[in-house]
């Protein structure tokens, strides 16, 4: 996980361009971040060198000073296939 000072709020299109129909996932909760208007997706988040965190996870886990302590308490799950 990146240090919180390196994250900047970005639109997906700021990083990958408006024509890119791909998507990325929040590093913490697996929220889809994309240019597409899919159900349950967002088009922005916090970005740091190829790592994305959705707005909610940023507020809950990255912004607080004890975010690393909070993250280690989360259940580890396998990445969806």
C-alpha atoms as a PDB file:
ATOM      1  CA  UNK A   1       0.000   0.000   0.000  1.00  0.00           C
ATOM      2  CA  UNK A   2       1.253   3.468  -0.844  1.00  0.00           C
ATOM      3  CA  UNK A   3       1.744   6.203   1.747  1.00  0.00           C
ATOM      4  CA  UNK A   4      -1.257   8.543   1.913  1.00  0.00           C
ATOM      5  CA  UNK A   5       0.704  11.640   0.885  1.00  0.00           C
ATOM      6  CA  UNK A   6       1.221  10.214  -2.598  1.00  0.00           C
ATOM      7  CA  UNK A   7      -2.480   9.847  -3.470  1.00  0.00           C
ATOM      8  CA  UNK A   8      -4.174  12.532  -5.569  1.00  0.00           C
ATOM      9  CA  UNK A   9      -7.838  12.790  -6.532  1.00  0.00           C
ATOM     10  CA  UNK A  10      -8.170  11.906 -10.235  1.00  0.00           C
ATOM     11  CA  UNK A  11     -10.798  11.168 -12.822  1.00  0.00           C
ATOM     12  CA  UNK A  12     -10.245   7.846 -14.552  1.00  0.00           C
ATOM     13  CA  UNK A  13     -10.051   9.766 -17.844  1.00  0.00           C
ATOM     14  CA  UNK A  14      -7.209  11.945 -16.446  1.00  0.00           C
ATOM     15  CA  UNK A  15      -5.019   8.851 -16.225  1.00  0.00           C
ATOM     16  CA  UNK A  16      -6.248   6.589 -19.026  1.00  0.00           C
ATOM     17  CA  UNK A  17      -8.005   8.896 -21.493  1.00  0.00           C
ATOM     18  CA  UNK A  18     -11.644   9.232 -22.463  1.00  0.00           C
ATOM     19  CA  UNK A  19     -11.527   6.539 -25.156  1.00  0.00           C
ATOM     20  CA  UNK A  20     -10.234   3.787 -22.854  1.00  0.00           C
ATOM     21  CA  UNK A  21     -13.091   1.339 -22.220  1.00  0.00           C
ATOM     22  CA  UNK A  22     -11.152  -0.667 -19.659  1.00  0.00           C
ATOM     23  CA  UNK A  23     -11.442  -0.357 -15.892  1.00  0.00           C
ATOM     24  CA  UNK A  24      -9.483  -0.610 -12.647  1.00  0.00           C
ATOM     25  CA  UNK A  25     -10.437  -1.664  -9.137  1.00  0.00           C
ATOM     26  CA  UNK A  26     -10.074  -0.009  -5.753  1.00  0.00           C
ATOM     27  CA  UNK A  27      -7.083  -1.597  -4.061  1.00  0.00           C
ATOM     28  CA  UNK A  28      -9.068  -2.040  -0.835  1.00  0.00           C
ATOM     29  CA  UNK A  29     -12.717  -2.901  -1.639  1.00  0.00           C
ATOM     30  CA  UNK A  30     -12.525  -3.835  -5.349  1.00  0.00           C
ATOM     31  CA  UNK A  31     -14.955  -1.043  -6.430  1.00  0.00           C
ATOM     32  CA  UNK A  32     -14.857  -0.649 -10.231  1.00  0.00           C
ATOM     33  CA  UNK A  33     -13.431   2.673 -11.462  1.00  0.00           C
ATOM     34  CA  UNK A  34     -13.976   3.313 -15.173  1.00  0.00           C
ATOM     35  CA  UNK A  35     -15.086   5.746 -17.886  1.00  0.00           C
ATOM     36  CA  UNK A  36     -17.989   3.447 -18.740  1.00  0.00           C
ATOM     37  CA  UNK A  37     -21.376   4.041 -17.181  1.00  0.00           C
ATOM     38  CA  UNK A  38     -21.820   0.545 -15.787  1.00  0.00           C
ATOM     39  CA  UNK A  39     -24.050  -0.175 -12.835  1.00  0.00           C
ATOM     40  CA  UNK A  40     -22.259   0.278  -9.486  1.00  0.00           C
ATOM     41  CA  UNK A  41     -19.179   1.963 -10.963  1.00  0.00           C
ATOM     42  CA  UNK A  42     -17.500   5.297 -10.331  1.00  0.00           C
ATOM     43  CA  UNK A  43     -15.366   7.441 -12.645  1.00  0.00           C
ATOM     44  CA  UNK A  44     -12.962   8.887 -10.059  1.00  0.00           C
ATOM     45  CA  UNK A  45     -10.931   8.075  -6.991  1.00  0.00           C
ATOM     46  CA  UNK A  46      -7.522   8.596  -5.475  1.00  0.00           C
ATOM     47  CA  UNK A  47      -4.554   7.546  -7.585  1.00  0.00           C
ATOM     48  CA  UNK A  48      -0.887   6.928  -6.865  1.00  0.00           C
ATOM     49  CA  UNK A  49       1.448   5.303  -9.389  1.00  0.00           C
ATOM     50  CA  UNK A  50      -0.911   2.619 -10.773  1.00  0.00           C
ATOM     51  CA  UNK A  51      -2.800   2.178  -7.478  1.00  0.00           C
ATOM     52  CA  UNK A  52      -6.419   3.332  -7.210  1.00  0.00           C
ATOM     53  CA  UNK A  53      -8.497   3.756  -4.053  1.00  0.00           C
ATOM     54  CA  UNK A  54     -12.191   4.687  -4.239  1.00  0.00           C
ATOM     55  CA  UNK A  55     -13.450   7.793  -2.433  1.00  0.00           C
ATOM     56  CA  UNK A  56     -15.068   5.871   0.424  1.00  0.00           C
ATOM     57  CA  UNK A  57     -11.999   3.745   1.141  1.00  0.00           C
ATOM     58  CA  UNK A  58      -9.791   6.822   0.965  1.00  0.00           C
ATOM     59  CA  UNK A  59     -11.925   8.557   3.609  1.00  0.00           C
ATOM     60  CA  UNK A  60     -12.168   5.441   5.792  1.00  0.00           C
ATOM     61  CA  UNK A  61      -8.685   3.997   5.519  1.00  0.00           C
ATOM     62  CA  UNK A  62      -6.143   6.298   3.862  1.00  0.00           C
ATOM     63  CA  UNK A  63      -7.003   9.721   5.257  1.00  0.00           C
ATOM     64  CA  UNK A  64      -6.991   8.745   8.965  1.00  0.00           C
ATOM     65  CA  UNK A  65      -3.566   8.618  10.556  1.00  0.00           C
ATOM     66  CA  UNK A  66      -4.110   5.023  11.697  1.00  0.00           C
ATOM     67  CA  UNK A  67      -5.175   3.670   8.292  1.00  0.00           C
ATOM     68  CA  UNK A  68      -2.532   0.942   8.168  1.00  0.00           C
ATOM     69  CA  UNK A  69      -3.823  -0.409  11.493  1.00  0.00           C
ATOM     70  CA  UNK A  70      -7.378  -0.414  10.105  1.00  0.00           C
ATOM     71  CA  UNK A  71      -6.387  -2.153   6.871  1.00  0.00           C
ATOM     72  CA  UNK A  72      -4.648  -5.070   8.596  1.00  0.00           C
ATOM     73  CA  UNK A  73      -7.886  -5.865  10.447  1.00  0.00           C
ATOM     74  CA  UNK A  74      -9.829  -6.396   7.212  1.00  0.00           C
ATOM     75  CA  UNK A  75     -10.596  -9.894   6.005  1.00  0.00           C
ATOM     76  CA  UNK A  76      -8.311 -10.945   3.188  1.00  0.00           C
ATOM     77  CA  UNK A  77     -10.200 -12.299   0.175  1.00  0.00           C
ATOM     78  CA  UNK A  78      -8.966 -13.689  -3.117  1.00  0.00           C
ATOM     79  CA  UNK A  79      -9.213 -11.462  -6.174  1.00  0.00           C
ATOM     80  CA  UNK A  80     -12.303 -12.217  -8.270  1.00  0.00           C
ATOM     81  CA  UNK A  81     -11.573 -14.227 -11.385  1.00  0.00           C
END
